All heavy atoms as atom14 arrays in JSON, in Angstrom:
{
  "sequence": "RAAVIYDLSPIGVQHLKYFEDEARILALDIVHSAGIQPLAEDAADEVR",
  "atom14_mask": [
    [1, 1, 1, 1, 1, 1, 1, 1, 1, 1, 1, 0, 0, 0],
    [1, 1, 1, 1, 1, 0, 0, 0, 0, 0, 0, 0, 0, 0],
    [1, 1, 1, 1, 1, 0, 0, 0, 0, 0, 0, 0, 0, 0],
    [1, 1, 1, 1, 1, 1, 1, 0, 0, 0, 0, 0, 0, 0],
    [1, 1, 1, 1, 1, 1, 1, 1, 0, 0, 0, 0, 0, 0],
    [1, 1, 1, 1, 1, 1, 1, 1, 1, 1, 1, 1, 0, 0],
    [1, 1, 1, 1, 1, 1, 1, 1, 0, 0, 0, 0, 0, 0],
    [1, 1, 1, 1, 1, 1, 1, 1, 0, 0, 0, 0, 0, 0],
    [1, 1, 1, 1, 1, 1, 0, 0, 0, 0, 0, 0, 0, 0],
    [1, 1, 1, 1, 1, 1, 1, 0, 0, 0, 0, 0, 0, 0],
    [1, 1, 1, 1, 1, 1, 1, 1, 0, 0, 0, 0, 0, 0],
    [1, 1, 1, 1, 0, 0, 0, 0, 0, 0, 0, 0, 0, 0],
    [1, 1, 1, 1, 1, 1, 1, 0, 0, 0, 0, 0, 0, 0],
    [1, 1, 1, 1, 1, 1, 1, 1, 1, 0, 0, 0, 0, 0],
    [1, 1, 1, 1, 1, 1, 1, 1, 1, 1, 0, 0, 0, 0],
    [1, 1, 1, 1, 1, 1, 1, 1, 0, 0, 0, 0, 0, 0],
    [1, 1, 1, 1, 1, 1, 1, 1, 1, 0, 0, 0, 0, 0],
    [1, 1, 1, 1, 1, 1, 1, 1, 1, 1, 1, 1, 0, 0],
    [1, 1, 1, 1, 1, 1, 1, 1, 1, 1, 1, 0, 0, 0],
    [1, 1, 1, 1, 1, 1, 1, 1, 1, 0, 0, 0, 0, 0],
    [1, 1, 1, 1, 1, 1, 1, 1, 0, 0, 0, 0, 0, 0],
    [1, 1, 1, 1, 1, 1, 1, 1, 1, 0, 0, 0, 0, 0],
    [1, 1, 1, 1, 1, 0, 0, 0, 0, 0, 0, 0, 0, 0],
    [1, 1, 1, 1, 1, 1, 1, 1, 1, 1, 1, 0, 0, 0],
    [1, 1, 1, 1, 1, 1, 1, 1, 0, 0, 0, 0, 0, 0],
    [1, 1, 1, 1, 1, 1, 1, 1, 0, 0, 0, 0, 0, 0],
    [1, 1, 1, 1, 1, 0, 0, 0, 0, 0, 0, 0, 0, 0],
    [1, 1, 1, 1, 1, 1, 1, 1, 0, 0, 0, 0, 0, 0],
    [1, 1, 1, 1, 1, 1, 1, 1, 0, 0, 0, 0, 0, 0],
    [1, 1, 1, 1, 1, 1, 1, 1, 0, 0, 0, 0, 0, 0],
    [1, 1, 1, 1, 1, 1, 1, 0, 0, 0, 0, 0, 0, 0],
    [1, 1, 1, 1, 1, 1, 1, 1, 1, 1, 0, 0, 0, 0],
    [1, 1, 1, 1, 1, 1, 0, 0, 0, 0, 0, 0, 0, 0],
    [1, 1, 1, 1, 1, 0, 0, 0, 0, 0, 0, 0, 0, 0],
    [1, 1, 1, 1, 0, 0, 0, 0, 0, 0, 0, 0, 0, 0],
    [1, 1, 1, 1, 1, 1, 1, 1, 0, 0, 0, 0, 0, 0],
    [1, 1, 1, 1, 1, 1, 1, 1, 1, 0, 0, 0, 0, 0],
    [1, 1, 1, 1, 1, 1, 1, 0, 0, 0, 0, 0, 0, 0],
    [1, 1, 1, 1, 1, 1, 1, 1, 0, 0, 0, 0, 0, 0],
    [1, 1, 1, 1, 1, 0, 0, 0, 0, 0, 0, 0, 0, 0],
    [1, 1, 1, 1, 1, 1, 1, 1, 1, 0, 0, 0, 0, 0],
    [1, 1, 1, 1, 1, 1, 1, 1, 0, 0, 0, 0, 0, 0],
    [1, 1, 1, 1, 1, 0, 0, 0, 0, 0, 0, 0, 0, 0],
    [1, 1, 1, 1, 1, 0, 0, 0, 0, 0, 0, 0, 0, 0],
    [1, 1, 1, 1, 1, 1, 1, 1, 0, 0, 0, 0, 0, 0],
    [1, 1, 1, 1, 1, 1, 1, 1, 1, 0, 0, 0, 0, 0],
    [1, 1, 1, 1, 1, 1, 1, 0, 0, 0, 0, 0, 0, 0],
    [1, 1, 1, 1, 1, 1, 1, 1, 1, 1, 1, 0, 0, 0]
  ],
  "atom14_positions": [
    [[-15.27, 20.11, -33.48], [-16.02, 19.7, -32.25], [-14.94, 19.0, -31.4], [-14.46, 17.95, -31.66], [-17.09, 18.61, -32.64], [-18.28, 19.22, -33.53], [-19.04, 17.99, -34.19], [-19.56, 17.16, -33.02], [-20.59, 17.51, -32.34], [-21.45, 18.7, -32.62], [-21.15, 16.67, -31.43], [0.0, 0.0, 0.0], [0.0, 0.0, 0.0], [0.0, 0.0, 0.0]],
    [[-14.65, 19.63, -30.2], [-13.68, 19.14, -29.26], [-14.29, 18.6, -27.99], [-15.35, 19.26, -27.53], [-12.7, 20.28, -28.96], [0.0, 0.0, 0.0], [0.0, 0.0, 0.0], [0.0, 0.0, 0.0], [0.0, 0.0, 0.0], [0.0, 0.0, 0.0], [0.0, 0.0, 0.0], [0.0, 0.0, 0.0], [0.0, 0.0, 0.0], [0.0, 0.0, 0.0]],
    [[-13.86, 17.46, -27.54], [-14.2, 17.12, -26.1], [-13.01, 17.24, -25.22], [-11.73, 17.11, -25.66], [-14.49, 15.57, -26.25], [0.0, 0.0, 0.0], [0.0, 0.0, 0.0], [0.0, 0.0, 0.0], [0.0, 0.0, 0.0], [0.0, 0.0, 0.0], [0.0, 0.0, 0.0], [0.0, 0.0, 0.0], [0.0, 0.0, 0.0], [0.0, 0.0, 0.0]],
    [[-13.22, 17.75, -24.03], [-12.12, 18.05, -22.98], [-12.34, 17.41, -21.74], [-13.49, 17.36, -21.14], [-12.19, 19.68, -22.83], [-11.06, 20.05, -21.93], [-12.07, 20.5, -24.14], [0.0, 0.0, 0.0], [0.0, 0.0, 0.0], [0.0, 0.0, 0.0], [0.0, 0.0, 0.0], [0.0, 0.0, 0.0], [0.0, 0.0, 0.0], [0.0, 0.0, 0.0]],
    [[-11.23, 16.74, -21.27], [-11.26, 16.34, -20.02], [-10.08, 17.19, -19.22], [-8.99, 17.21, -19.74], [-10.94, 14.78, -19.96], [-12.12, 14.14, -20.51], [-10.62, 14.34, -18.55], [-11.95, 12.57, -20.39], [0.0, 0.0, 0.0], [0.0, 0.0, 0.0], [0.0, 0.0, 0.0], [0.0, 0.0, 0.0], [0.0, 0.0, 0.0], [0.0, 0.0, 0.0]],
    [[-10.42, 17.65, -18.08], [-9.44, 18.51, -17.34], [-9.37, 18.12, -15.84], [-10.25, 17.6, -15.28], [-9.96, 19.95, -17.52], [-11.24, 20.26, -16.89], [-11.36, 20.8, -15.56], [-12.45, 20.01, -17.48], [-12.44, 21.15, -15.02], [-13.65, 20.34, -16.89], [-13.69, 20.87, -15.71], [-14.79, 21.15, -15.07], [0.0, 0.0, 0.0], [0.0, 0.0, 0.0]],
    [[-8.34, 18.48, -15.19], [-8.11, 18.21, -13.88], [-8.89, 19.24, -12.96], [-9.1, 20.42, -13.34], [-6.61, 18.47, -13.37], [-5.73, 17.41, -13.72], [-6.25, 16.37, -14.28], [-4.5, 17.37, -13.41], [0.0, 0.0, 0.0], [0.0, 0.0, 0.0], [0.0, 0.0, 0.0], [0.0, 0.0, 0.0], [0.0, 0.0, 0.0], [0.0, 0.0, 0.0]],
    [[-9.5, 18.71, -11.93], [-10.3, 19.52, -10.99], [-9.3, 20.16, -9.98], [-9.13, 19.7, -8.98], [-11.36, 18.69, -10.29], [-12.5, 18.23, -11.08], [-13.28, 17.18, -10.32], [-13.41, 19.48, -11.54], [0.0, 0.0, 0.0], [0.0, 0.0, 0.0], [0.0, 0.0, 0.0], [0.0, 0.0, 0.0], [0.0, 0.0, 0.0], [0.0, 0.0, 0.0]],
    [[-8.56, 21.16, -10.42], [-7.53, 21.72, -9.78], [-7.35, 23.13, -10.26], [-7.86, 23.46, -11.49], [-6.16, 20.97, -10.01], [-5.65, 21.12, -11.26], [0.0, 0.0, 0.0], [0.0, 0.0, 0.0], [0.0, 0.0, 0.0], [0.0, 0.0, 0.0], [0.0, 0.0, 0.0], [0.0, 0.0, 0.0], [0.0, 0.0, 0.0], [0.0, 0.0, 0.0]],
    [[-6.66, 24.03, -9.68], [-6.35, 25.5, -10.24], [-5.74, 25.35, -11.51], [-6.1, 26.1, -12.47], [-5.53, 26.06, -9.2], [-5.8, 25.41, -7.93], [-6.16, 23.98, -8.23], [0.0, 0.0, 0.0], [0.0, 0.0, 0.0], [0.0, 0.0, 0.0], [0.0, 0.0, 0.0], [0.0, 0.0, 0.0], [0.0, 0.0, 0.0], [0.0, 0.0, 0.0]],
    [[-4.86, 24.45, -11.92], [-4.22, 24.31, -13.11], [-5.21, 23.84, -14.18], [-5.44, 24.53, -15.24], [-3.07, 23.29, -13.05], [-1.98, 23.76, -12.32], [-2.62, 22.9, -14.56], [-0.78, 22.71, -12.12], [0.0, 0.0, 0.0], [0.0, 0.0, 0.0], [0.0, 0.0, 0.0], [0.0, 0.0, 0.0], [0.0, 0.0, 0.0], [0.0, 0.0, 0.0]],
    [[-6.06, 22.82, -13.98], [-6.91, 22.37, -14.94], [-8.19, 23.31, -15.3], [-8.48, 23.64, -16.41], [0.0, 0.0, 0.0], [0.0, 0.0, 0.0], [0.0, 0.0, 0.0], [0.0, 0.0, 0.0], [0.0, 0.0, 0.0], [0.0, 0.0, 0.0], [0.0, 0.0, 0.0], [0.0, 0.0, 0.0], [0.0, 0.0, 0.0], [0.0, 0.0, 0.0]],
    [[-8.56, 24.01, -14.15], [-9.71, 24.91, -14.34], [-9.18, 26.12, -15.18], [-9.91, 26.73, -16.12], [-10.25, 25.35, -12.96], [-11.25, 26.58, -13.08], [-10.86, 24.18, -12.31], [0.0, 0.0, 0.0], [0.0, 0.0, 0.0], [0.0, 0.0, 0.0], [0.0, 0.0, 0.0], [0.0, 0.0, 0.0], [0.0, 0.0, 0.0], [0.0, 0.0, 0.0]],
    [[-7.97, 26.69, -14.94], [-7.5, 27.83, -15.56], [-7.18, 27.46, -17.0], [-7.55, 28.37, -17.94], [-6.07, 28.28, -15.02], [-5.71, 29.63, -15.39], [-6.42, 30.77, -14.9], [-7.39, 30.69, -14.21], [-5.87, 32.05, -15.15], [0.0, 0.0, 0.0], [0.0, 0.0, 0.0], [0.0, 0.0, 0.0], [0.0, 0.0, 0.0], [0.0, 0.0, 0.0]],
    [[-6.68, 26.33, -17.31], [-6.54, 25.87, -18.63], [-7.86, 25.88, -19.42], [-7.98, 26.37, -20.69], [-5.89, 24.55, -18.8], [-4.39, 24.58, -18.8], [-3.52, 25.19, -19.72], [-3.41, 23.9, -17.93], [-2.34, 24.95, -19.5], [-2.14, 24.15, -18.46], [0.0, 0.0, 0.0], [0.0, 0.0, 0.0], [0.0, 0.0, 0.0], [0.0, 0.0, 0.0]],
    [[-8.87, 25.35, -18.76], [-10.17, 25.22, -19.43], [-10.71, 26.53, -19.82], [-11.26, 26.75, -21.03], [-11.09, 24.42, -18.51], [-12.42, 24.3, -19.05], [-12.42, 23.36, -20.4], [-13.48, 23.72, -17.96], [0.0, 0.0, 0.0], [0.0, 0.0, 0.0], [0.0, 0.0, 0.0], [0.0, 0.0, 0.0], [0.0, 0.0, 0.0], [0.0, 0.0, 0.0]],
    [[-10.63, 27.51, -18.81], [-11.14, 28.88, -19.12], [-10.54, 29.41, -20.38], [-11.26, 30.03, -21.17], [-10.83, 29.72, -18.02], [-11.44, 31.15, -18.13], [-10.95, 32.17, -17.1], [-11.46, 33.63, -17.37], [-11.03, 34.18, -18.56], [0.0, 0.0, 0.0], [0.0, 0.0, 0.0], [0.0, 0.0, 0.0], [0.0, 0.0, 0.0], [0.0, 0.0, 0.0]],
    [[-9.24, 29.38, -20.48], [-8.59, 29.87, -21.73], [-8.79, 29.22, -22.95], [-8.89, 29.76, -24.05], [-7.06, 30.3, -21.41], [-6.89, 31.5, -20.53], [-6.99, 31.44, -19.17], [-6.65, 32.67, -21.14], [-6.84, 32.54, -18.35], [-6.39, 33.83, -20.42], [-6.49, 33.79, -19.06], [-6.42, 34.95, -18.25], [0.0, 0.0, 0.0], [0.0, 0.0, 0.0]],
    [[-8.94, 27.93, -22.83], [-9.24, 27.06, -24.0], [-10.69, 27.38, -24.49], [-10.85, 27.56, -25.7], [-9.12, 25.67, -23.62], [-9.27, 24.66, -24.82], [-8.08, 24.42, -25.68], [-10.67, 24.15, -25.15], [-8.34, 23.62, -26.67], [-10.65, 23.47, -26.26], [-9.68, 23.13, -27.05], [0.0, 0.0, 0.0], [0.0, 0.0, 0.0], [0.0, 0.0, 0.0]],
    [[-11.59, 27.55, -23.56], [-13.06, 27.92, -23.96], [-12.95, 29.26, -24.74], [-13.8, 29.39, -25.71], [-13.94, 27.95, -22.66], [-14.06, 26.56, -22.18], [-14.91, 26.59, -20.92], [-14.9, 27.61, -20.14], [-15.66, 25.65, -20.58], [0.0, 0.0, 0.0], [0.0, 0.0, 0.0], [0.0, 0.0, 0.0], [0.0, 0.0, 0.0], [0.0, 0.0, 0.0]],
    [[-12.22, 30.12, -24.05], [-12.27, 31.53, -24.72], [-11.72, 31.61, -26.12], [-12.33, 32.2, -27.08], [-11.41, 32.5, -23.89], [-12.02, 32.79, -22.46], [-13.33, 32.51, -22.28], [-11.36, 33.37, -21.63], [0.0, 0.0, 0.0], [0.0, 0.0, 0.0], [0.0, 0.0, 0.0], [0.0, 0.0, 0.0], [0.0, 0.0, 0.0], [0.0, 0.0, 0.0]],
    [[-10.62, 30.87, -26.37], [-10.03, 30.78, -27.67], [-10.87, 29.97, -28.75], [-10.96, 30.4, -29.81], [-8.58, 30.22, -27.53], [-7.76, 30.37, -28.91], [-7.5, 31.79, -29.31], [-7.66, 32.71, -28.53], [-7.26, 32.12, -30.46], [0.0, 0.0, 0.0], [0.0, 0.0, 0.0], [0.0, 0.0, 0.0], [0.0, 0.0, 0.0], [0.0, 0.0, 0.0]],
    [[-11.48, 28.84, -28.15], [-12.22, 27.99, -28.92], [-13.44, 28.83, -29.49], [-13.84, 28.64, -30.62], [-12.84, 26.95, -28.28], [0.0, 0.0, 0.0], [0.0, 0.0, 0.0], [0.0, 0.0, 0.0], [0.0, 0.0, 0.0], [0.0, 0.0, 0.0], [0.0, 0.0, 0.0], [0.0, 0.0, 0.0], [0.0, 0.0, 0.0], [0.0, 0.0, 0.0]],
    [[-14.07, 29.73, -28.63], [-15.15, 30.45, -29.02], [-14.75, 31.48, -30.19], [-15.56, 31.66, -31.16], [-15.67, 31.31, -27.81], [-16.92, 32.02, -28.02], [-17.37, 32.73, -26.78], [-17.48, 31.85, -25.64], [-16.68, 31.81, -24.61], [-15.72, 32.6, -24.46], [-16.85, 30.92, -23.68], [0.0, 0.0, 0.0], [0.0, 0.0, 0.0], [0.0, 0.0, 0.0]],
    [[-13.68, 32.01, -30.13], [-13.19, 32.93, -31.24], [-13.0, 32.19, -32.47], [-13.23, 32.59, -33.65], [-11.79, 33.51, -30.66], [-12.06, 34.54, -29.61], [-11.15, 34.35, -32.05], [-10.71, 35.17, -28.92], [0.0, 0.0, 0.0], [0.0, 0.0, 0.0], [0.0, 0.0, 0.0], [0.0, 0.0, 0.0], [0.0, 0.0, 0.0], [0.0, 0.0, 0.0]],
    [[-12.48, 30.84, -32.42], [-12.13, 30.16, -33.57], [-13.29, 29.27, -34.1], [-13.26, 28.54, -35.04], [-10.99, 29.07, -33.21], [-9.71, 29.75, -32.75], [-8.72, 28.66, -32.23], [-9.02, 30.5, -33.92], [0.0, 0.0, 0.0], [0.0, 0.0, 0.0], [0.0, 0.0, 0.0], [0.0, 0.0, 0.0], [0.0, 0.0, 0.0], [0.0, 0.0, 0.0]],
    [[-14.48, 29.47, -33.41], [-15.71, 28.62, -33.84], [-15.46, 27.15, -33.73], [-15.98, 26.26, -34.39], [-16.19, 28.93, -35.21], [0.0, 0.0, 0.0], [0.0, 0.0, 0.0], [0.0, 0.0, 0.0], [0.0, 0.0, 0.0], [0.0, 0.0, 0.0], [0.0, 0.0, 0.0], [0.0, 0.0, 0.0], [0.0, 0.0, 0.0], [0.0, 0.0, 0.0]],
    [[-14.66, 26.78, -32.59], [-14.36, 25.41, -32.24], [-15.28, 25.08, -31.15], [-15.29, 25.56, -30.14], [-12.91, 25.2, -31.8], [-12.52, 23.88, -31.31], [-12.6, 22.82, -32.33], [-11.04, 24.03, -30.8], [0.0, 0.0, 0.0], [0.0, 0.0, 0.0], [0.0, 0.0, 0.0], [0.0, 0.0, 0.0], [0.0, 0.0, 0.0], [0.0, 0.0, 0.0]],
    [[-16.26, 24.15, -31.51], [-17.31, 23.92, -30.44], [-16.76, 22.86, -29.49], [-16.34, 21.74, -29.85], [-18.46, 23.31, -31.25], [-19.79, 23.14, -30.26], [-19.77, 23.65, -29.29], [-20.63, 22.31, -30.87], [0.0, 0.0, 0.0], [0.0, 0.0, 0.0], [0.0, 0.0, 0.0], [0.0, 0.0, 0.0], [0.0, 0.0, 0.0], [0.0, 0.0, 0.0]],
    [[-16.9, 23.16, -28.22], [-16.58, 22.27, -27.11], [-17.85, 21.45, -26.78], [-18.88, 21.93, -26.1], [-16.01, 22.97, -25.9], [-14.76, 23.74, -26.17], [-15.82, 21.95, -24.74], [-14.27, 24.53, -25.14], [0.0, 0.0, 0.0], [0.0, 0.0, 0.0], [0.0, 0.0, 0.0], [0.0, 0.0, 0.0], [0.0, 0.0, 0.0], [0.0, 0.0, 0.0]],
    [[-18.01, 20.29, -27.38], [-19.29, 19.52, -27.31], [-19.42, 18.78, -25.94], [-20.52, 18.49, -25.49], [-19.34, 18.39, -28.45], [-19.4, 19.1, -29.77], [-18.15, 17.49, -28.36], [0.0, 0.0, 0.0], [0.0, 0.0, 0.0], [0.0, 0.0, 0.0], [0.0, 0.0, 0.0], [0.0, 0.0, 0.0], [0.0, 0.0, 0.0], [0.0, 0.0, 0.0]],
    [[-18.27, 18.71, -25.14], [-18.34, 18.1, -23.81], [-17.08, 18.45, -22.99], [-15.96, 18.43, -23.65], [-18.51, 16.47, -23.95], [-18.58, 15.89, -22.57], [-19.75, 15.97, -21.84], [-17.69, 15.2, -21.85], [-19.49, 15.27, -20.68], [-18.15, 14.79, -20.74], [0.0, 0.0, 0.0], [0.0, 0.0, 0.0], [0.0, 0.0, 0.0], [0.0, 0.0, 0.0]],
    [[-17.15, 18.88, -21.79], [-16.03, 18.91, -20.94], [-16.42, 18.32, -19.59], [-17.61, 18.39, -19.19], [-15.74, 20.44, -20.75], [-16.73, 21.09, -20.1], [0.0, 0.0, 0.0], [0.0, 0.0, 0.0], [0.0, 0.0, 0.0], [0.0, 0.0, 0.0], [0.0, 0.0, 0.0], [0.0, 0.0, 0.0], [0.0, 0.0, 0.0], [0.0, 0.0, 0.0]],
    [[-15.35, 17.64, -19.0], [-15.67, 16.95, -17.65], [-14.37, 17.0, -16.78], [-13.25, 16.85, -17.42], [-16.01, 15.43, -18.01], [0.0, 0.0, 0.0], [0.0, 0.0, 0.0], [0.0, 0.0, 0.0], [0.0, 0.0, 0.0], [0.0, 0.0, 0.0], [0.0, 0.0, 0.0], [0.0, 0.0, 0.0], [0.0, 0.0, 0.0], [0.0, 0.0, 0.0]],
    [[-14.52, 17.17, -15.5], [-13.44, 17.19, -14.68], [-13.14, 15.89, -14.05], [-14.06, 15.12, -13.78], [0.0, 0.0, 0.0], [0.0, 0.0, 0.0], [0.0, 0.0, 0.0], [0.0, 0.0, 0.0], [0.0, 0.0, 0.0], [0.0, 0.0, 0.0], [0.0, 0.0, 0.0], [0.0, 0.0, 0.0], [0.0, 0.0, 0.0], [0.0, 0.0, 0.0]],
    [[-11.77, 15.6, -13.74], [-11.39, 14.4, -13.07], [-10.52, 14.78, -11.97], [-9.92, 15.93, -11.93], [-10.74, 13.33, -13.93], [-9.56, 13.92, -14.64], [-11.75, 12.9, -14.91], [-8.74, 13.01, -15.54], [0.0, 0.0, 0.0], [0.0, 0.0, 0.0], [0.0, 0.0, 0.0], [0.0, 0.0, 0.0], [0.0, 0.0, 0.0], [0.0, 0.0, 0.0]],
    [[-10.32, 14.0, -11.04], [-9.28, 14.23, -9.93], [-7.92, 14.25, -10.45], [-7.57, 13.53, -11.29], [-9.38, 13.21, -8.75], [-10.74, 13.29, -8.08], [-10.97, 14.64, -7.39], [-10.05, 15.24, -6.77], [-12.3, 15.16, -7.43], [0.0, 0.0, 0.0], [0.0, 0.0, 0.0], [0.0, 0.0, 0.0], [0.0, 0.0, 0.0], [0.0, 0.0, 0.0]],
    [[-7.07, 15.08, -9.91], [-5.71, 15.24, -10.54], [-4.79, 13.92, -10.39], [-3.93, 13.74, -11.14], [-5.05, 16.34, -9.66], [-6.22, 17.2, -9.19], [-7.37, 16.18, -8.93], [0.0, 0.0, 0.0], [0.0, 0.0, 0.0], [0.0, 0.0, 0.0], [0.0, 0.0, 0.0], [0.0, 0.0, 0.0], [0.0, 0.0, 0.0], [0.0, 0.0, 0.0]],
    [[-5.14, 13.01, -9.43], [-4.38, 11.89, -9.44], [-5.23, 10.64, -9.72], [-4.9, 9.44, -9.53], [-3.99, 11.67, -7.87], [-3.08, 12.8, -7.3], [-2.79, 12.51, -5.99], [-1.79, 12.9, -8.27], [0.0, 0.0, 0.0], [0.0, 0.0, 0.0], [0.0, 0.0, 0.0], [0.0, 0.0, 0.0], [0.0, 0.0, 0.0], [0.0, 0.0, 0.0]],
    [[-6.31, 10.81, -10.58], [-7.11, 9.75, -11.09], [-6.42, 8.68, -11.82], [-5.48, 9.07, -12.62], [-8.23, 10.26, -11.9], [0.0, 0.0, 0.0], [0.0, 0.0, 0.0], [0.0, 0.0, 0.0], [0.0, 0.0, 0.0], [0.0, 0.0, 0.0], [0.0, 0.0, 0.0], [0.0, 0.0, 0.0], [0.0, 0.0, 0.0], [0.0, 0.0, 0.0]],
    [[-6.66, 7.55, -11.58], [-5.97, 6.3, -12.23], [-7.01, 5.62, -13.18], [-6.59, 4.7, -13.91], [-5.5, 5.29, -11.21], [-4.38, 5.82, -10.29], [-3.89, 4.89, -9.37], [-4.49, 3.76, -9.25], [-2.9, 5.24, -8.64], [0.0, 0.0, 0.0], [0.0, 0.0, 0.0], [0.0, 0.0, 0.0], [0.0, 0.0, 0.0], [0.0, 0.0, 0.0]],
    [[-8.26, 5.91, -13.23], [-9.28, 5.34, -14.2], [-10.11, 6.59, -14.65], [-10.75, 7.29, -14.03], [-10.16, 4.33, -13.35], [-11.06, 3.57, -14.33], [-11.13, 4.07, -15.55], [-11.71, 2.73, -13.85], [0.0, 0.0, 0.0], [0.0, 0.0, 0.0], [0.0, 0.0, 0.0], [0.0, 0.0, 0.0], [0.0, 0.0, 0.0], [0.0, 0.0, 0.0]],
    [[-10.18, 6.62, -16.11], [-11.01, 7.7, -16.57], [-11.92, 6.98, -17.7], [-12.4, 7.68, -18.61], [-10.12, 8.79, -17.17], [0.0, 0.0, 0.0], [0.0, 0.0, 0.0], [0.0, 0.0, 0.0], [0.0, 0.0, 0.0], [0.0, 0.0, 0.0], [0.0, 0.0, 0.0], [0.0, 0.0, 0.0], [0.0, 0.0, 0.0], [0.0, 0.0, 0.0]],
    [[-12.11, 5.81, -17.47], [-12.95, 5.08, -18.65], [-14.29, 5.7, -18.79], [-14.75, 5.94, -19.95], [-13.03, 3.63, -18.37], [0.0, 0.0, 0.0], [0.0, 0.0, 0.0], [0.0, 0.0, 0.0], [0.0, 0.0, 0.0], [0.0, 0.0, 0.0], [0.0, 0.0, 0.0], [0.0, 0.0, 0.0], [0.0, 0.0, 0.0], [0.0, 0.0, 0.0]],
    [[-14.98, 5.99, -17.62], [-16.35, 6.53, -17.78], [-16.31, 7.86, -18.39], [-17.14, 8.23, -19.29], [-16.98, 6.63, -16.35], [-17.38, 5.26, -15.87], [-17.44, 4.27, -16.62], [-17.59, 5.08, -14.66], [0.0, 0.0, 0.0], [0.0, 0.0, 0.0], [0.0, 0.0, 0.0], [0.0, 0.0, 0.0], [0.0, 0.0, 0.0], [0.0, 0.0, 0.0]],
    [[-15.46, 8.7, -17.94], [-15.32, 10.08, -18.5], [-14.97, 10.12, -19.96], [-15.68, 10.94, -20.73], [-14.23, 10.96, -17.77], [-14.6, 11.17, -16.24], [-14.23, 10.18, -15.34], [-13.86, 9.04, -15.76], [-14.49, 10.32, -14.09], [0.0, 0.0, 0.0], [0.0, 0.0, 0.0], [0.0, 0.0, 0.0], [0.0, 0.0, 0.0], [0.0, 0.0, 0.0]],
    [[-14.15, 9.29, -20.43], [-13.82, 9.15, -21.8], [-15.09, 8.64, -22.63], [-15.29, 9.1, -23.72], [-12.65, 8.32, -22.09], [-12.34, 7.97, -23.51], [-11.29, 9.05, -21.49], [0.0, 0.0, 0.0], [0.0, 0.0, 0.0], [0.0, 0.0, 0.0], [0.0, 0.0, 0.0], [0.0, 0.0, 0.0], [0.0, 0.0, 0.0], [0.0, 0.0, 0.0]],
    [[-15.69, 7.62, -22.04], [-16.89, 7.01, -22.92], [-17.93, 8.12, -23.06], [-18.44, 8.23, -24.1], [-17.35, 5.82, -22.02], [-18.44, 5.1, -22.73], [-18.94, 3.92, -21.88], [-17.84, 3.11, -21.54], [-17.52, 3.0, -20.15], [-18.08, 3.68, -19.25], [-16.47, 2.08, -19.86], [0.0, 0.0, 0.0], [0.0, 0.0, 0.0], [0.0, 0.0, 0.0]]
  ]
}
């Protein structure tokens, strides 16, 4: 069971797509994913 936080940017979104595709093959469940701003200085809410 994996939780993912990713940048809301072309880099982060592309990473997420390929991570999701491979996780599906491996039966690795993505239980939560959330985007943050690429220059974010606080991610407490997203991590919680």
